[in-house]
């Protein structure tokens, strides 16, 4: 059987790496120390493979093809190089990936799959902050957190439970670490595609979301990137520390099921559109019943638009 030897939830704030120096020294030191502790615990667990659960921000999936869940099953997981990150290149553990795919379908989760699944900052920011050597094989699991309608939080919790059951039956023995990425509260100018109008900014966003692998016009991409940075510079990204602390308290109490009561409207209203990524943490929590979350760090960093956090589930 495969054993889960470590499990974490961490933030993947899009502009954290690129604008690191804009945050206060106190915020930088606390966040760096927190990620270092995640890295220490990950190495101490000696995993053979890391199952990473993350979103995509219209870099690999677009409005012409947006699955709820997609598993990378072969080859390499190569970074998109967005957010000021290097283009990390990680091996995919094909044996575990194929076993998970088949087992999860048997469990009633009809995941899409991709033989090549490029990954944006949702996956590569944690790599950069936790294991920048990129020396651990991964299995990337994409979950749709940005193009409504989204899978429910309860579905993600259930998927985590199914992952645990499938891992228990996989041969040969493997030591598996889980990392769910995203959140906590933040709001970015990435709007609901269903509400886009005909003004120039909306047209830019629709082009970005619909571009497909041909790629969006570089001028459009630059305008949107500049808008995200402007939000950080001017403090426009809404951080809800109260909401974040409530979620973290549930995790610390091991009361993961309470997240199932959060629908997309409530999450968006209380935590901003970026808080929808709590689904990725929920999948990890679902795989870790009868545990409690240990808060390793939390900082509300307006320059990075985000409530930045790390939790170990044990």
Protein backbone atom coordinates (compact mmCIF):
# COMPACT_ATOMS: atom_id res chain seq x y z
CA UNK A 1 0.00 0.00 0.00
CA UNK A 2 1.00 3.63 -0.42
CA UNK A 3 1.34 5.57 2.83
CA UNK A 4 0.57 9.27 3.22
CA UNK A 5 3.62 10.46 5.14
CA UNK A 6 3.00 14.23 5.11
CA UNK A 7 0.19 16.60 4.12
CA UNK A 8 0.13 20.38 3.81
CA UNK A 9 -1.91 23.30 2.60
CA UNK A 10 0.04 26.34 1.39
CA UNK A 11 -0.59 29.58 -0.44
CA UNK A 12 0.64 30.14 -4.00
CA UNK A 13 0.18 33.95 -4.24
CA UNK A 14 0.70 34.93 -7.86
CA UNK A 15 2.87 38.02 -7.33
CA UNK A 16 4.63 36.96 -4.12
CA UNK A 17 7.84 35.87 -5.83
CA UNK A 18 7.94 38.70 -8.36
CA UNK A 19 7.23 41.42 -5.78
CA UNK A 20 8.86 39.81 -2.75
CA UNK A 21 10.72 42.95 -1.65
CA UNK A 22 7.58 45.11 -1.64
CA UNK A 23 6.25 43.39 1.47
CA UNK A 24 7.46 44.46 4.90
CA UNK A 25 10.52 42.80 6.40
CA UNK A 26 8.34 41.29 9.14
CA UNK A 27 5.98 39.73 6.60
CA UNK A 28 8.83 38.42 4.46
CA UNK A 29 10.66 36.89 7.39
CA UNK A 30 7.55 35.19 8.78
CA UNK A 31 6.49 33.79 5.41
CA UNK A 32 10.00 32.61 4.54
CA UNK A 33 10.33 30.90 7.92
CA UNK A 34 6.95 29.24 7.45
CA UNK A 35 7.77 27.81 4.05
CA UNK A 36 11.16 26.69 5.38
CA UNK A 37 9.35 24.73 8.10
CA UNK A 38 7.13 23.08 5.47
CA UNK A 39 10.28 22.20 3.53
CA UNK A 40 11.96 20.76 6.63
CA UNK A 41 8.97 18.58 7.43
CA UNK A 42 8.61 17.44 3.85
CA UNK A 43 12.24 16.30 3.70
CA UNK A 44 11.98 14.65 7.10
CA UNK A 45 9.04 12.59 5.84
CA UNK A 46 11.21 11.20 3.00
CA UNK A 47 8.45 10.95 0.40
CA UNK A 48 8.92 9.03 -2.82
CA UNK A 49 6.43 11.29 -4.59
CA UNK A 50 4.41 14.47 -3.98
CA UNK A 51 0.76 14.59 -5.03
CA UNK A 52 0.11 18.28 -5.67
CA UNK A 53 -3.43 19.66 -5.87
CA UNK A 54 -3.71 23.04 -7.54
CA UNK A 55 -5.62 25.31 -9.84
CA UNK A 56 -4.85 26.82 -13.23
CA UNK A 57 -5.18 30.46 -14.22
CA UNK A 58 -5.95 30.07 -17.93
CA UNK A 59 -2.47 28.85 -18.76
CA UNK A 60 -3.25 25.19 -19.51
CA UNK A 61 -7.06 25.11 -19.54
CA UNK A 62 -9.35 27.55 -21.30
CA UNK A 63 -13.02 28.20 -21.93
CA UNK A 64 -12.93 25.78 -24.87
CA UNK A 65 -12.01 22.90 -22.51
CA UNK A 66 -12.35 23.33 -18.74
CA UNK A 67 -12.56 20.07 -16.77
CA UNK A 68 -13.54 20.05 -13.11
CA UNK A 69 -10.59 17.75 -12.33
CA UNK A 70 -7.63 16.62 -14.44
CA UNK A 71 -4.73 14.36 -13.48
CA UNK A 72 -1.31 14.55 -15.09
CA UNK A 73 -0.29 10.96 -15.75
CA UNK A 74 2.95 10.80 -17.76
CA UNK A 75 6.12 12.56 -18.78
CA UNK A 76 7.12 15.82 -17.17
CA UNK A 77 5.33 18.58 -15.29
CA UNK A 78 6.86 21.75 -16.69
CA UNK A 79 6.21 25.20 -15.28
CA UNK A 80 4.76 28.01 -17.35
CA UNK A 81 7.28 30.49 -15.97
CA UNK A 82 4.56 32.92 -14.88
CA UNK A 83 4.70 35.04 -11.73
CA UNK A 84 8.44 35.60 -12.02
CA UNK A 85 9.13 31.89 -11.48
CA UNK A 86 11.76 29.73 -13.20
CA UNK A 87 10.41 27.13 -15.60
CA UNK A 88 10.72 24.21 -13.22
CA UNK A 89 10.74 20.77 -14.84
CA UNK A 90 9.63 17.88 -12.62
CA UNK A 91 9.30 14.18 -13.28
CA UNK A 92 5.77 12.80 -13.08
CA UNK A 93 5.45 9.53 -11.16
CA UNK A 94 3.57 7.67 -13.88
CA UNK A 95 3.01 4.52 -11.83
CA UNK A 96 1.21 6.34 -9.04
CA UNK A 97 -0.65 8.60 -11.47
CA UNK A 98 -2.07 5.71 -13.50
CA UNK A 99 -2.99 3.82 -10.35
CA UNK A 100 -4.81 6.86 -8.98
CA UNK A 101 -6.62 7.52 -12.24
CA UNK A 102 -7.96 3.98 -12.54
CA UNK A 103 -8.74 3.71 -8.84
CA UNK A 104 -10.57 7.04 -8.66
CA UNK A 105 -12.73 6.11 -11.64
CA UNK A 106 -13.65 2.92 -9.78
CA UNK A 107 -14.51 5.15 -6.80
CA UNK A 108 -16.93 7.17 -8.94
CA UNK A 109 -14.67 10.14 -9.76
CA UNK A 110 -14.45 10.44 -13.54
CA UNK A 111 -11.31 12.54 -13.76
CA UNK A 112 -9.98 13.89 -17.02
CA UNK A 113 -6.33 13.10 -17.65
CA UNK A 114 -3.45 14.55 -19.60
CA UNK A 115 -0.23 12.87 -20.67
CA UNK A 116 1.40 16.28 -20.50
CA UNK A 117 0.08 18.79 -17.96
CA UNK A 118 2.01 22.07 -17.90
CA UNK A 119 1.55 23.90 -14.63
CA UNK A 120 1.43 27.56 -13.68
CA UNK A 121 2.26 29.28 -10.40
CA UNK A 122 -0.44 27.31 -8.57
CA UNK A 123 1.95 24.36 -8.59
CA UNK A 124 5.29 26.04 -9.13
CA UNK A 125 5.22 28.65 -6.37
CA UNK A 126 5.13 25.84 -3.75
CA UNK A 127 7.91 24.07 -5.65
CA UNK A 128 9.93 27.29 -5.62
CA UNK A 129 9.38 27.90 -1.92
CA UNK A 130 9.54 24.30 -0.62
CA UNK A 131 11.67 22.12 -2.90
CA UNK A 132 13.32 24.35 -5.52
CA UNK A 133 15.74 21.54 -6.35
CA UNK A 134 12.73 20.02 -8.18
CA UNK A 135 14.15 16.63 -7.24
CA UNK A 136 10.96 14.93 -6.06
CA UNK A 137 8.63 13.26 -8.56
CA UNK A 138 5.13 14.68 -8.56
CA UNK A 139 1.61 13.82 -9.60
CA UNK A 140 -0.24 17.04 -10.51
CA UNK A 141 -3.99 17.13 -9.87
CA UNK A 142 -5.76 20.15 -11.36
CA UNK A 143 -9.03 21.38 -9.86
CA UNK A 144 -11.11 24.12 -11.48
CA UNK A 145 -11.19 27.07 -9.08
CA UNK A 146 -11.43 29.96 -11.57
CA UNK A 147 -14.04 29.27 -14.27
CA UNK A 148 -17.51 28.89 -12.73
CA UNK A 149 -19.45 26.76 -12.15
CA UNK A 150 -16.90 25.17 -9.81
CA UNK A 151 -16.88 21.74 -8.17
CA UNK A 152 -18.30 21.99 -4.67
CA UNK A 153 -16.09 21.97 -1.61
CA UNK A 154 -17.90 18.86 -0.42
CA UNK A 155 -17.01 17.11 -3.69
CA UNK A 156 -13.36 17.99 -3.14
CA UNK A 157 -13.46 16.65 0.41
CA UNK A 158 -14.99 13.44 -0.93
CA UNK A 159 -12.32 13.23 -3.62
CA UNK A 160 -9.68 13.41 -0.91
CA UNK A 161 -11.31 10.50 0.89
CA UNK A 162 -11.31 8.50 -2.33
CA UNK A 163 -7.63 9.31 -2.88
CA UNK A 164 -6.81 7.92 0.55
CA UNK A 165 -8.71 4.70 -0.17
CA UNK A 166 -7.08 4.24 -3.56
CA UNK A 167 -3.61 4.85 -2.14
CA UNK A 168 -4.23 2.15 0.45
CA UNK A 169 -4.60 -0.41 -2.33
CA UNK A 170 -1.76 0.68 -4.61
CA UNK A 171 1.29 -1.53 -5.07
CA UNK A 172 4.23 -1.27 -4.68
CA UNK A 173 4.62 0.53 -1.38
CA UNK A 174 5.18 4.25 -1.79
CA UNK A 175 5.67 7.14 0.60
CA UNK A 176 3.34 9.90 -0.61
CA UNK A 177 3.23 13.55 0.46
CA UNK A 178 0.20 15.72 -0.29
CA UNK A 179 0.29 19.47 -0.93
CA UNK A 180 -2.87 21.49 -1.60
CA UNK A 181 -2.18 24.99 -2.89
CA UNK A 182 -3.97 28.33 -3.11
CA UNK A 183 -5.95 30.79 -1.06
CA UNK A 184 -6.48 31.99 1.46
CA UNK A 185 -8.54 35.16 1.07
CA UNK A 186 -7.67 37.34 -1.88
CA UNK A 187 -9.38 39.12 -4.71
CA UNK A 188 -7.79 39.61 -8.10
CA UNK A 189 -9.19 41.26 -11.24
CA UNK A 190 -10.02 37.85 -12.74
CA UNK A 191 -13.74 38.14 -13.38
CA UNK A 192 -16.48 35.56 -13.86
CA UNK A 193 -16.50 34.83 -17.59
CA UNK A 194 -20.31 34.56 -17.53
CA UNK A 195 -20.67 38.23 -16.62
CA UNK A 196 -18.22 39.79 -19.08
CA UNK A 197 -19.50 42.71 -21.11
CA UNK A 198 -18.17 44.60 -24.11
CA UNK A 199 -15.91 47.21 -22.56
CA UNK A 200 -12.18 47.01 -23.43
CA UNK A 201 -11.09 45.44 -20.14
CA UNK A 202 -13.78 42.75 -20.36
CA UNK A 203 -12.77 42.00 -23.94
CA UNK A 204 -9.17 41.59 -22.81
CA UNK A 205 -10.21 39.14 -20.09
CA UNK A 206 -12.38 37.12 -22.47
CA UNK A 207 -9.51 36.92 -24.96
CA UNK A 208 -7.18 35.74 -22.19
CA UNK A 209 -9.60 33.06 -20.97
CA UNK A 210 -10.40 31.84 -24.48
CA UNK A 211 -7.00 31.96 -26.15
CA UNK A 212 -6.20 28.27 -26.08
CA UNK A 213 -2.77 27.01 -26.92
CA UNK A 214 -2.35 29.55 -29.70
CA UNK A 215 -1.77 32.06 -26.94
CA UNK A 216 -3.26 35.45 -26.25
CA UNK A 217 -1.94 38.59 -27.91
CA UNK A 218 1.18 39.60 -25.92
CA UNK A 219 -0.11 43.15 -25.58
CA UNK A 220 -3.33 41.87 -23.99
CA UNK A 221 -1.39 39.60 -21.65
CA UNK A 222 0.85 42.47 -20.57
CA UNK A 223 -2.10 44.77 -19.89
CA UNK A 224 -3.70 42.16 -17.65
CA UNK A 225 -0.42 41.39 -15.85
CA UNK A 226 0.05 45.11 -15.22
CA UNK A 227 -3.47 45.30 -13.79
CA UNK A 228 -2.73 42.52 -11.28
CA UNK A 229 0.48 44.27 -10.19
CA UNK A 230 -1.41 47.56 -9.88
CA UNK A 231 -3.89 45.90 -7.53
CA UNK A 232 -1.00 44.83 -5.33
CA UNK A 233 0.72 48.22 -5.44
CA UNK A 234 -2.47 50.13 -4.62
CA UNK A 235 -3.78 47.65 -2.06
CA UNK A 236 -6.91 46.80 -4.05
CA UNK A 237 -6.81 43.07 -3.38
CA UNK A 238 -9.26 42.37 -0.57
CA UNK A 239 -7.88 40.27 2.29
CA UNK A 240 -10.39 39.04 4.87
CA UNK A 241 -8.37 38.09 7.92
CA UNK A 242 -11.53 37.21 9.86
CA UNK A 243 -12.54 34.68 7.20
CA UNK A 244 -9.04 33.25 7.04
CA UNK A 245 -8.85 32.86 10.81
CA UNK A 246 -12.22 31.11 10.84
CA UNK A 247 -11.08 28.60 8.22
CA UNK A 248 -7.80 28.05 10.05
CA UNK A 249 -9.62 27.49 13.34
CA UNK A 250 -11.74 24.77 11.73
CA UNK A 251 -8.58 23.14 10.44
CA UNK A 252 -6.86 23.34 13.81
CA UNK A 253 -9.89 21.71 15.41
CA UNK A 254 -9.87 18.93 12.80
CA UNK A 255 -13.39 20.01 11.84
CA UNK A 256 -12.78 19.70 8.11
CA UNK A 257 -16.39 18.80 7.34
CA UNK A 258 -17.45 22.35 8.19
CA UNK A 259 -15.91 23.48 4.92
CA UNK A 260 -18.55 21.46 3.09
CA UNK A 261 -21.10 24.06 4.18
CA UNK A 262 -19.33 26.78 2.19
CA UNK A 263 -20.75 27.35 -1.27
CA UNK A 264 -19.06 29.37 -3.99
CA UNK A 265 -21.18 32.47 -3.34
CA UNK A 266 -20.30 32.53 0.36
CA UNK A 267 -16.60 31.97 -0.29
CA UNK A 268 -16.53 34.73 -2.89
CA UNK A 269 -18.44 37.17 -0.71
CA UNK A 270 -16.38 36.57 2.42
CA UNK A 271 -12.96 35.71 1.02
CA UNK A 272 -12.80 37.06 -2.53
CA UNK A 273 -12.61 35.16 -5.80
CA UNK A 274 -9.15 33.80 -4.97
CA UNK A 275 -10.44 32.08 -1.84
CA UNK A 276 -12.23 29.58 -4.10
CA UNK A 277 -8.88 27.77 -4.12
CA UNK A 278 -9.65 26.45 -0.64
CA UNK A 279 -10.99 23.50 -2.66
CA UNK A 280 -7.40 22.35 -3.16
CA UNK A 281 -6.81 22.33 0.59
CA UNK A 282 -10.15 20.54 1.06
CA UNK A 283 -9.02 17.64 -1.13
CA UNK A 284 -5.96 17.20 1.08
CA UNK A 285 -8.07 17.47 4.24
CA UNK A 286 -10.44 14.84 2.87
CA UNK A 287 -7.48 12.49 2.57
CA UNK A 288 -6.48 13.13 6.20
CA UNK A 289 -9.46 12.19 8.42
CA UNK A 290 -8.93 12.03 12.17
CA UNK A 291 -6.14 14.59 12.03
CA UNK A 292 -5.83 18.22 13.05
CA UNK A 293 -4.26 21.09 11.19
CA UNK A 294 -1.18 22.65 12.74
CA UNK A 295 -0.85 26.30 11.77
CA UNK A 296 2.71 26.92 10.63
CA UNK A 297 2.28 30.52 9.49
CA UNK A 298 -0.31 33.12 8.57
CA UNK A 299 0.32 36.66 7.36
CA UNK A 300 -2.11 39.07 5.70
CA UNK A 301 0.14 40.70 3.08
CA UNK A 302 -1.58 43.46 1.09
CA UNK A 303 1.36 43.87 -1.30
CA UNK A 304 0.83 40.26 -2.38
CA UNK A 305 -2.99 40.61 -2.39
CA UNK A 306 -3.32 37.55 -0.18
CA UNK A 307 -3.75 35.99 3.23
CA UNK A 308 -0.60 33.84 3.06
CA UNK A 309 -0.71 30.63 5.10
CA UNK A 310 0.71 27.20 5.66
CA UNK A 311 -0.86 24.31 7.58
CA UNK A 312 0.39 20.78 8.29
CA UNK A 313 -2.30 18.11 8.61
CA UNK A 314 -1.19 15.39 11.02
